[in-house]
Amino acid sequence: MQTYLVASAVGQDRPGIVYELTRVVRDAGCSVQDSRMSVLGAQLCAQFLVRGNWSAVAKLEAGLPKAANALGLTIALNRTELRTGAWFIPYSVEVVALERPGILEEITGFFATRDIGIEDLYSNCFLAAQTGTPMFSVSITIGVPEKTAIAHLRNEFLEFCDELNLDADMSVIK
């Protein structure tokens, strides 16, 4: 029987730090099932869903905080289980617009008010190439419940984006 652990680590980025973390996972007898890693500012933000038998996960829970401390990372560990019973269709949402406060809240609020979960999200701000205008972009993977009328949802989302002057696309992930 597999046991699951979510490990989140934040700290000063440097080459090799992800290798060090994944080596600790392997040395404990666990495997990384899923992961997300980004550098935000000068900080590494890493999340791992780790699986292993009960004793391997317990060994990792004891060893990972020591390794993280030696690497200068702040770490959080949470036992979890795999999601069951939630059937959804993954859709990709891409939005680009002029940067302004509250834009991410408005976009995520659209889906929250419709009980549509956000599975993955990546956003950034950048300057437009020719004009230097501050721009915002976000890529979101949403989980649309299987009984949702997709055409209606897509139309509502595109109307919402038109009202806010957002350039957007929503398509099924193939």
N, C-alpha and C. Protein backbone atom coordinates (compact mmCIF):
# COMPACT_ATOMS: atom_id res chain seq x y z
N MET A 1 0.85 -1.19 0.00
CA MET A 1 0.00 0.00 0.00
C MET A 1 0.89 1.25 0.00
N GLN A 2 0.56 2.19 -0.86
CA GLN A 2 1.33 3.41 -0.99
C GLN A 2 0.84 4.48 -0.01
N THR A 3 1.79 5.25 0.49
CA THR A 3 1.51 6.41 1.32
C THR A 3 1.99 7.62 0.54
N TYR A 4 1.28 8.73 0.67
CA TYR A 4 1.59 9.93 -0.12
C TYR A 4 1.90 11.10 0.80
N LEU A 5 2.85 11.92 0.34
CA LEU A 5 3.31 13.07 1.10
C LEU A 5 3.52 14.23 0.14
N VAL A 6 3.02 15.40 0.50
CA VAL A 6 3.31 16.62 -0.25
C VAL A 6 4.40 17.35 0.50
N ALA A 7 5.49 17.66 -0.19
CA ALA A 7 6.60 18.41 0.37
C ALA A 7 6.71 19.73 -0.39
N SER A 8 6.67 20.83 0.34
CA SER A 8 6.83 22.16 -0.27
C SER A 8 8.09 22.79 0.30
N ALA A 9 8.94 23.31 -0.57
CA ALA A 9 10.21 23.91 -0.13
C ALA A 9 10.37 25.28 -0.79
N VAL A 10 10.85 26.24 0.01
CA VAL A 10 11.12 27.60 -0.48
C VAL A 10 12.46 28.04 0.06
N GLY A 11 13.27 28.63 -0.79
CA GLY A 11 14.55 29.16 -0.34
C GLY A 11 15.35 29.73 -1.49
N GLN A 12 16.49 30.29 -1.16
CA GLN A 12 17.37 30.91 -2.16
C GLN A 12 17.72 29.89 -3.25
N ASP A 13 17.49 30.28 -4.50
CA ASP A 13 17.78 29.39 -5.62
C ASP A 13 19.28 29.31 -5.87
N ARG A 14 19.71 28.15 -6.31
CA ARG A 14 21.09 27.95 -6.75
C ARG A 14 21.12 26.67 -7.58
N PRO A 15 22.09 26.53 -8.47
CA PRO A 15 22.18 25.31 -9.26
C PRO A 15 22.38 24.08 -8.36
N GLY A 16 21.67 23.01 -8.67
CA GLY A 16 21.83 21.75 -7.94
C GLY A 16 20.88 21.55 -6.79
N ILE A 17 20.11 22.57 -6.41
CA ILE A 17 19.25 22.43 -5.23
C ILE A 17 18.12 21.42 -5.46
N VAL A 18 17.56 21.41 -6.66
CA VAL A 18 16.51 20.44 -6.96
C VAL A 18 17.08 19.03 -6.96
N TYR A 19 18.29 18.88 -7.48
CA TYR A 19 18.96 17.58 -7.43
C TYR A 19 19.11 17.10 -5.99
N GLU A 20 19.55 17.99 -5.11
CA GLU A 20 19.74 17.61 -3.70
C GLU A 20 18.43 17.15 -3.07
N LEU A 21 17.34 17.87 -3.35
CA LEU A 21 16.04 17.48 -2.79
C LEU A 21 15.57 16.13 -3.33
N THR A 22 15.69 15.93 -4.63
CA THR A 22 15.22 14.67 -5.20
C THR A 22 16.10 13.49 -4.79
N ARG A 23 17.37 13.75 -4.51
CA ARG A 23 18.26 12.69 -4.01
C ARG A 23 17.83 12.23 -2.62
N VAL A 24 17.41 13.17 -1.78
CA VAL A 24 16.92 12.82 -0.44
C VAL A 24 15.67 11.95 -0.55
N VAL A 25 14.80 12.29 -1.50
CA VAL A 25 13.59 11.51 -1.73
C VAL A 25 13.95 10.08 -2.13
N ARG A 26 14.85 9.96 -3.09
CA ARG A 26 15.26 8.63 -3.56
C ARG A 26 15.95 7.84 -2.46
N ASP A 27 16.85 8.49 -1.70
CA ASP A 27 17.58 7.80 -0.63
C ASP A 27 16.66 7.27 0.46
N ALA A 28 15.50 7.90 0.62
CA ALA A 28 14.53 7.42 1.62
C ALA A 28 13.72 6.24 1.09
N GLY A 29 13.87 5.94 -0.21
CA GLY A 29 13.12 4.83 -0.80
C GLY A 29 11.78 5.27 -1.38
N CYS A 30 11.62 6.56 -1.63
CA CYS A 30 10.38 7.11 -2.18
C CYS A 30 10.58 7.52 -3.63
N SER A 31 9.45 7.82 -4.29
CA SER A 31 9.46 8.30 -5.66
C SER A 31 8.68 9.60 -5.76
N VAL A 32 9.14 10.49 -6.63
CA VAL A 32 8.38 11.71 -6.92
C VAL A 32 7.33 11.35 -7.95
N GLN A 33 6.07 11.48 -7.58
CA GLN A 33 4.97 11.17 -8.51
C GLN A 33 4.59 12.40 -9.33
N ASP A 34 4.64 13.56 -8.72
CA ASP A 34 4.25 14.79 -9.39
C ASP A 34 5.07 15.92 -8.78
N SER A 35 5.40 16.94 -9.56
CA SER A 35 6.18 18.05 -9.00
C SER A 35 5.92 19.33 -9.76
N ARG A 36 6.14 20.43 -9.07
CA ARG A 36 6.07 21.77 -9.65
C ARG A 36 7.25 22.53 -9.07
N MET A 37 7.99 23.21 -9.90
CA MET A 37 9.12 24.00 -9.43
C MET A 37 9.20 25.28 -10.24
N SER A 38 9.43 26.38 -9.56
CA SER A 38 9.59 27.68 -10.21
C SER A 38 10.56 28.53 -9.42
N VAL A 39 11.18 29.45 -10.10
CA VAL A 39 11.97 30.45 -9.42
C VAL A 39 11.15 31.73 -9.47
N LEU A 40 10.83 32.26 -8.30
CA LEU A 40 10.07 33.50 -8.17
C LEU A 40 11.00 34.50 -7.50
N GLY A 41 11.33 35.56 -8.21
CA GLY A 41 12.37 36.46 -7.71
C GLY A 41 13.66 35.65 -7.70
N ALA A 42 14.32 35.61 -6.56
CA ALA A 42 15.54 34.80 -6.41
C ALA A 42 15.27 33.54 -5.59
N GLN A 43 13.99 33.24 -5.35
CA GLN A 43 13.62 32.12 -4.50
C GLN A 43 13.13 30.93 -5.33
N LEU A 44 13.60 29.74 -4.96
CA LEU A 44 13.07 28.51 -5.54
C LEU A 44 11.83 28.13 -4.75
N CYS A 45 10.77 27.80 -5.45
CA CYS A 45 9.55 27.29 -4.85
C CYS A 45 9.32 25.92 -5.47
N ALA A 46 9.42 24.88 -4.67
CA ALA A 46 9.29 23.52 -5.19
C ALA A 46 8.23 22.76 -4.42
N GLN A 47 7.43 22.02 -5.13
CA GLN A 47 6.42 21.16 -4.52
C GLN A 47 6.53 19.77 -5.14
N PHE A 48 6.49 18.78 -4.29
CA PHE A 48 6.59 17.40 -4.73
C PHE A 48 5.44 16.60 -4.12
N LEU A 49 4.82 15.75 -4.92
CA LEU A 49 3.94 14.71 -4.40
C LEU A 49 4.78 13.46 -4.44
N VAL A 50 5.07 12.93 -3.26
CA VAL A 50 5.98 11.80 -3.12
C VAL A 50 5.17 10.58 -2.68
N ARG A 51 5.56 9.42 -3.19
CA ARG A 51 4.89 8.18 -2.78
C ARG A 51 5.93 7.15 -2.35
N GLY A 52 5.51 6.30 -1.46
CA GLY A 52 6.35 5.21 -0.99
C GLY A 52 5.58 4.39 0.02
N ASN A 53 6.18 3.30 0.48
CA ASN A 53 5.49 2.55 1.52
C ASN A 53 5.56 3.35 2.82
N TRP A 54 4.82 2.94 3.82
CA TRP A 54 4.69 3.71 5.06
C TRP A 54 6.05 4.02 5.67
N SER A 55 6.92 3.03 5.75
CA SER A 55 8.21 3.25 6.42
C SER A 55 9.12 4.17 5.61
N ALA A 56 9.06 4.10 4.27
CA ALA A 56 9.88 4.98 3.44
C ALA A 56 9.43 6.43 3.60
N VAL A 57 8.13 6.65 3.63
CA VAL A 57 7.61 8.01 3.80
C VAL A 57 7.95 8.53 5.19
N ALA A 58 7.87 7.68 6.21
CA ALA A 58 8.26 8.10 7.57
C ALA A 58 9.74 8.46 7.61
N LYS A 59 10.57 7.70 6.91
CA LYS A 59 12.00 8.01 6.84
C LYS A 59 12.23 9.36 6.15
N LEU A 60 11.47 9.62 5.09
CA LEU A 60 11.58 10.89 4.39
C LEU A 60 11.12 12.05 5.28
N GLU A 61 10.04 11.84 6.03
CA GLU A 61 9.55 12.88 6.94
C GLU A 61 10.60 13.25 7.98
N ALA A 62 11.41 12.28 8.37
CA ALA A 62 12.47 12.55 9.35
C ALA A 62 13.69 13.18 8.69
N GLY A 63 14.02 12.77 7.49
CA GLY A 63 15.25 13.22 6.84
C GLY A 63 15.14 14.50 6.04
N LEU A 64 13.98 14.75 5.45
CA LEU A 64 13.85 15.91 4.58
C LEU A 64 13.99 17.24 5.32
N PRO A 65 13.43 17.41 6.51
CA PRO A 65 13.65 18.68 7.21
C PRO A 65 15.13 18.95 7.53
N LYS A 66 15.89 17.91 7.86
CA LYS A 66 17.32 18.09 8.12
C LYS A 66 18.04 18.53 6.85
N ALA A 67 17.73 17.88 5.75
CA ALA A 67 18.36 18.23 4.47
C ALA A 67 17.96 19.64 4.05
N ALA A 68 16.69 19.97 4.22
CA ALA A 68 16.21 21.30 3.85
C ALA A 68 16.92 22.38 4.67
N ASN A 69 17.09 22.13 5.95
CA ASN A 69 17.79 23.09 6.81
C ASN A 69 19.23 23.29 6.33
N ALA A 70 19.90 22.20 5.98
CA ALA A 70 21.27 22.29 5.47
C ALA A 70 21.33 23.06 4.14
N LEU A 71 20.25 22.99 3.36
CA LEU A 71 20.20 23.69 2.07
C LEU A 71 19.65 25.11 2.20
N GLY A 72 19.28 25.51 3.41
CA GLY A 72 18.74 26.85 3.62
C GLY A 72 17.31 27.00 3.13
N LEU A 73 16.55 25.92 3.18
CA LEU A 73 15.16 25.93 2.71
C LEU A 73 14.18 25.87 3.86
N THR A 74 13.05 26.51 3.68
CA THR A 74 11.92 26.34 4.58
C THR A 74 11.05 25.25 3.96
N ILE A 75 10.62 24.28 4.77
CA ILE A 75 9.90 23.15 4.21
C ILE A 75 8.61 22.90 4.98
N ALA A 76 7.60 22.44 4.28
CA ALA A 76 6.34 22.01 4.89
C ALA A 76 6.02 20.63 4.34
N LEU A 77 5.60 19.73 5.23
CA LEU A 77 5.26 18.37 4.85
C LEU A 77 3.82 18.08 5.25
N ASN A 78 3.06 17.49 4.33
CA ASN A 78 1.68 17.14 4.61
C ASN A 78 1.38 15.78 4.01
N ARG A 79 0.88 14.86 4.85
CA ARG A 79 0.41 13.58 4.32
C ARG A 79 -0.85 13.84 3.52
N THR A 80 -1.05 13.05 2.48
CA THR A 80 -2.23 13.20 1.64
C THR A 80 -2.63 11.85 1.09
N GLU A 81 -3.63 11.85 0.28
CA GLU A 81 -4.04 10.65 -0.45
C GLU A 81 -4.41 11.09 -1.85
N LEU A 82 -4.48 10.14 -2.76
CA LEU A 82 -4.85 10.48 -4.12
C LEU A 82 -6.33 10.86 -4.17
N ARG A 83 -6.64 11.79 -5.03
CA ARG A 83 -8.02 12.25 -5.20
C ARG A 83 -8.83 11.13 -5.83
N THR A 84 -10.03 10.93 -5.32
CA THR A 84 -10.92 9.93 -5.90
C THR A 84 -12.30 10.55 -6.12
N GLY A 85 -13.02 9.99 -7.04
CA GLY A 85 -14.41 10.38 -7.26
C GLY A 85 -14.62 11.68 -8.00
N ALA A 86 -13.58 12.44 -8.27
CA ALA A 86 -13.74 13.70 -8.97
C ALA A 86 -13.44 13.50 -10.45
N TRP A 87 -14.48 13.44 -11.26
CA TRP A 87 -14.29 13.28 -12.70
C TRP A 87 -14.47 14.62 -13.37
N PHE A 88 -13.44 15.03 -14.07
CA PHE A 88 -13.49 16.31 -14.76
C PHE A 88 -12.71 16.21 -16.06
N ILE A 89 -12.99 17.18 -16.92
CA ILE A 89 -12.31 17.26 -18.20
C ILE A 89 -11.31 18.42 -18.10
N PRO A 90 -10.03 18.17 -18.38
CA PRO A 90 -9.05 19.26 -18.28
C PRO A 90 -9.13 20.21 -19.47
N TYR A 91 -9.22 21.49 -19.15
CA TYR A 91 -9.24 22.54 -20.17
C TYR A 91 -8.10 23.50 -19.90
N SER A 92 -7.55 24.04 -20.97
CA SER A 92 -6.50 25.04 -20.90
C SER A 92 -7.12 26.41 -21.10
N VAL A 93 -6.75 27.34 -20.22
CA VAL A 93 -7.22 28.72 -20.33
C VAL A 93 -5.98 29.60 -20.45
N GLU A 94 -5.95 30.41 -21.48
CA GLU A 94 -4.83 31.34 -21.71
C GLU A 94 -5.40 32.74 -21.78
N VAL A 95 -4.80 33.67 -21.02
CA VAL A 95 -5.26 35.05 -21.02
C VAL A 95 -4.04 35.97 -21.10
N VAL A 96 -4.14 36.99 -21.94
CA VAL A 96 -3.13 38.04 -22.03
C VAL A 96 -3.88 39.37 -22.00
N ALA A 97 -3.36 40.32 -21.23
CA ALA A 97 -4.03 41.62 -21.12
C ALA A 97 -3.05 42.66 -20.60
N LEU A 98 -3.49 43.90 -20.63
CA LEU A 98 -2.73 44.95 -19.97
C LEU A 98 -2.69 44.63 -18.48
N GLU A 99 -1.54 44.81 -17.87
CA GLU A 99 -1.39 44.50 -16.44
C GLU A 99 -2.14 45.56 -15.63
N ARG A 100 -2.86 45.08 -14.61
CA ARG A 100 -3.54 45.96 -13.67
C ARG A 100 -3.84 45.18 -12.40
N PRO A 101 -3.97 45.86 -11.26
CA PRO A 101 -4.28 45.17 -10.02
C PRO A 101 -5.63 44.44 -10.11
N GLY A 102 -5.68 43.23 -9.53
CA GLY A 102 -6.92 42.49 -9.42
C GLY A 102 -7.26 41.58 -10.58
N ILE A 103 -6.47 41.59 -11.63
CA ILE A 103 -6.82 40.82 -12.82
C ILE A 103 -6.85 39.31 -12.53
N LEU A 104 -5.88 38.82 -11.77
CA LEU A 104 -5.85 37.38 -11.47
C LEU A 104 -7.03 37.00 -10.58
N GLU A 105 -7.37 37.86 -9.65
CA GLU A 105 -8.53 37.61 -8.78
C GLU A 105 -9.81 37.51 -9.61
N GLU A 106 -9.97 38.40 -10.58
CA GLU A 106 -11.17 38.38 -11.40
C GLU A 106 -11.27 37.10 -12.22
N ILE A 107 -10.16 36.69 -12.81
CA ILE A 107 -10.17 35.48 -13.65
C ILE A 107 -10.44 34.24 -12.80
N THR A 108 -9.73 34.10 -11.68
CA THR A 108 -9.95 32.92 -10.84
C THR A 108 -11.34 32.95 -10.20
N GLY A 109 -11.85 34.15 -9.92
CA GLY A 109 -13.19 34.28 -9.37
C GLY A 109 -14.26 33.80 -10.33
N PHE A 110 -14.05 34.03 -11.63
CA PHE A 110 -15.00 33.54 -12.63
C PHE A 110 -15.20 32.03 -12.47
N PHE A 111 -14.10 31.30 -12.34
CA PHE A 111 -14.21 29.85 -12.23
C PHE A 111 -14.70 29.41 -10.86
N ALA A 112 -14.27 30.09 -9.82
CA ALA A 112 -14.69 29.74 -8.45
C ALA A 112 -16.20 29.85 -8.29
N THR A 113 -16.80 30.88 -8.86
CA THR A 113 -18.25 31.06 -8.73
C THR A 113 -19.04 30.00 -9.50
N ARG A 114 -18.37 29.23 -10.32
CA ARG A 114 -19.02 28.16 -11.09
C ARG A 114 -18.58 26.77 -10.62
N ASP A 115 -17.94 26.72 -9.45
CA ASP A 115 -17.45 25.47 -8.86
C ASP A 115 -16.53 24.71 -9.79
N ILE A 116 -15.68 25.44 -10.50
CA ILE A 116 -14.69 24.84 -11.39
C ILE A 116 -13.33 25.01 -10.73
N GLY A 117 -12.67 23.90 -10.48
CA GLY A 117 -11.39 23.92 -9.79
C GLY A 117 -10.22 24.28 -10.70
N ILE A 118 -9.25 24.95 -10.11
CA ILE A 118 -8.02 25.26 -10.81
C ILE A 118 -7.01 24.18 -10.45
N GLU A 119 -6.53 23.49 -11.47
CA GLU A 119 -5.60 22.39 -11.28
C GLU A 119 -4.14 22.86 -11.34
N ASP A 120 -3.88 23.87 -12.16
CA ASP A 120 -2.53 24.38 -12.33
C ASP A 120 -2.65 25.83 -12.81
N LEU A 121 -1.72 26.67 -12.39
CA LEU A 121 -1.77 28.07 -12.77
C LEU A 121 -0.35 28.62 -12.85
N TYR A 122 -0.08 29.36 -13.91
CA TYR A 122 1.20 30.03 -14.08
C TYR A 122 0.91 31.42 -14.63
N SER A 123 1.38 32.45 -13.93
CA SER A 123 1.17 33.81 -14.43
C SER A 123 2.47 34.58 -14.37
N ASN A 124 2.55 35.61 -15.22
CA ASN A 124 3.71 36.49 -15.16
C ASN A 124 3.36 37.84 -15.76
N CYS A 125 4.16 38.82 -15.40
CA CYS A 125 4.05 40.16 -15.96
C CYS A 125 5.30 40.40 -16.80
N PHE A 126 5.11 41.13 -17.88
CA PHE A 126 6.23 41.41 -18.78
C PHE A 126 5.96 42.73 -19.48
N LEU A 127 6.96 43.27 -20.14
CA LEU A 127 6.80 44.50 -20.91
C LEU A 127 6.62 44.16 -22.38
N ALA A 128 5.64 44.77 -23.02
CA ALA A 128 5.39 44.54 -24.44
C ALA A 128 6.64 44.94 -25.24
N ALA A 129 6.97 44.16 -26.23
CA ALA A 129 8.21 44.34 -26.98
C ALA A 129 8.37 45.72 -27.61
N GLN A 130 7.39 46.18 -28.32
CA GLN A 130 7.53 47.44 -29.06
C GLN A 130 7.28 48.68 -28.21
N THR A 131 6.31 48.58 -27.28
CA THR A 131 5.88 49.78 -26.56
C THR A 131 6.38 49.87 -25.12
N GLY A 132 6.79 48.73 -24.55
CA GLY A 132 7.19 48.72 -23.15
C GLY A 132 6.01 48.76 -22.20
N THR A 133 4.80 48.56 -22.71
CA THR A 133 3.59 48.56 -21.90
C THR A 133 3.58 47.35 -20.96
N PRO A 134 3.26 47.55 -19.67
CA PRO A 134 3.18 46.41 -18.75
C PRO A 134 2.03 45.48 -19.14
N MET A 135 2.36 44.21 -19.32
CA MET A 135 1.39 43.19 -19.74
C MET A 135 1.32 42.09 -18.69
N PHE A 136 0.22 41.35 -18.74
CA PHE A 136 -0.02 40.23 -17.83
C PHE A 136 -0.43 39.04 -18.66
N SER A 137 0.09 37.86 -18.31
CA SER A 137 -0.38 36.64 -18.96
C SER A 137 -0.56 35.56 -17.90
N VAL A 138 -1.52 34.69 -18.15
CA VAL A 138 -1.76 33.57 -17.26
C VAL A 138 -2.15 32.35 -18.08
N SER A 139 -1.62 31.21 -17.67
CA SER A 139 -1.99 29.91 -18.24
C SER A 139 -2.57 29.09 -17.09
N ILE A 140 -3.77 28.63 -17.27
CA ILE A 140 -4.48 27.91 -16.22
C ILE A 140 -4.98 26.59 -16.78
N THR A 141 -4.85 25.54 -16.00
CA THR A 141 -5.54 24.29 -16.30
C THR A 141 -6.69 24.20 -15.32
N ILE A 142 -7.90 24.10 -15.86
CA ILE A 142 -9.08 23.97 -15.02
C ILE A 142 -9.64 22.56 -15.15
N GLY A 143 -10.35 22.12 -14.15
CA GLY A 143 -11.03 20.83 -14.19
C GLY A 143 -12.53 21.07 -14.32
N VAL A 144 -13.05 20.88 -15.52
CA VAL A 144 -14.47 21.13 -15.76
C VAL A 144 -15.25 19.85 -15.45
N PRO A 145 -16.22 19.92 -14.50
CA PRO A 145 -17.02 18.73 -14.20
C PRO A 145 -17.68 18.19 -15.47
N GLU A 146 -17.72 16.86 -15.56
CA GLU A 146 -18.18 16.22 -16.79
C GLU A 146 -19.62 16.58 -17.18
N LYS A 147 -20.44 17.03 -16.25
CA LYS A 147 -21.83 17.36 -16.58
C LYS A 147 -22.02 18.82 -16.96
N THR A 148 -20.92 19.58 -17.01
CA THR A 148 -20.99 21.00 -17.37
C THR A 148 -21.19 21.15 -18.87
N ALA A 149 -22.06 22.06 -19.25
CA ALA A 149 -22.28 22.37 -20.67
C ALA A 149 -21.09 23.23 -21.13
N ILE A 150 -20.17 22.60 -21.83
CA ILE A 150 -18.92 23.24 -22.22
C ILE A 150 -19.15 24.47 -23.11
N ALA A 151 -20.00 24.35 -24.10
CA ALA A 151 -20.25 25.48 -25.01
C ALA A 151 -20.76 26.69 -24.23
N HIS A 152 -21.66 26.45 -23.29
CA HIS A 152 -22.19 27.55 -22.47
C HIS A 152 -21.09 28.17 -21.61
N LEU A 153 -20.28 27.33 -20.98
CA LEU A 153 -19.19 27.82 -20.15
C LEU A 153 -18.20 28.64 -20.98
N ARG A 154 -17.83 28.13 -22.13
CA ARG A 154 -16.88 28.84 -22.99
C ARG A 154 -17.45 30.20 -23.42
N ASN A 155 -18.73 30.23 -23.80
CA ASN A 155 -19.35 31.50 -24.20
C ASN A 155 -19.38 32.49 -23.04
N GLU A 156 -19.74 32.02 -21.85
CA GLU A 156 -19.74 32.89 -20.67
C GLU A 156 -18.34 33.44 -20.40
N PHE A 157 -17.34 32.58 -20.51
CA PHE A 157 -15.97 33.01 -20.23
C PHE A 157 -15.50 34.04 -21.25
N LEU A 158 -15.77 33.80 -22.52
CA LEU A 158 -15.34 34.74 -23.55
C LEU A 158 -16.07 36.08 -23.43
N GLU A 159 -17.35 36.06 -23.05
CA GLU A 159 -18.08 37.31 -22.80
C GLU A 159 -17.48 38.04 -21.61
N PHE A 160 -17.17 37.31 -20.56
CA PHE A 160 -16.52 37.88 -19.37
C PHE A 160 -15.21 38.55 -19.78
N CYS A 161 -14.42 37.88 -20.59
CA CYS A 161 -13.14 38.43 -21.03
C CYS A 161 -13.33 39.65 -21.92
N ASP A 162 -14.32 39.63 -22.79
CA ASP A 162 -14.60 40.79 -23.64
C ASP A 162 -14.94 42.01 -22.79
N GLU A 163 -15.75 41.81 -21.74
CA GLU A 163 -16.14 42.92 -20.87
C GLU A 163 -14.93 43.54 -20.17
N LEU A 164 -13.93 42.73 -19.87
CA LEU A 164 -12.73 43.21 -19.17
C LEU A 164 -11.57 43.52 -20.11
N ASN A 165 -11.82 43.41 -21.41
CA ASN A 165 -10.78 43.65 -22.42
C ASN A 165 -9.58 42.72 -22.26
N LEU A 166 -9.86 41.43 -22.09
CA LEU A 166 -8.84 40.41 -21.96
C LEU A 166 -8.81 39.58 -23.23
N ASP A 167 -7.63 39.30 -23.75
CA ASP A 167 -7.49 38.41 -24.90
C ASP A 167 -7.39 37.00 -24.33
N ALA A 168 -8.33 36.11 -24.68
CA ALA A 168 -8.39 34.81 -24.01
C ALA A 168 -8.73 33.68 -24.97
N ASP A 169 -8.37 32.49 -24.53
CA ASP A 169 -8.69 31.26 -25.25
C ASP A 169 -8.97 30.18 -24.22
N MET A 170 -9.92 29.33 -24.51
CA MET A 170 -10.23 28.19 -23.65
C MET A 170 -10.42 26.98 -24.54
N SER A 171 -9.59 25.94 -24.32
CA SER A 171 -9.69 24.76 -25.17
C SER A 171 -9.39 23.50 -24.37
N VAL A 172 -9.94 22.39 -24.84
CA VAL A 172 -9.71 21.11 -24.19
C VAL A 172 -8.25 20.72 -24.33
N ILE A 173 -7.72 20.10 -23.30
CA ILE A 173 -6.35 19.60 -23.36
C ILE A 173 -6.38 18.22 -23.98
N LYS A 174 -5.63 18.04 -25.05
CA LYS A 174 -5.66 16.76 -25.77
C LYS A 174 -4.49 15.91 -25.38
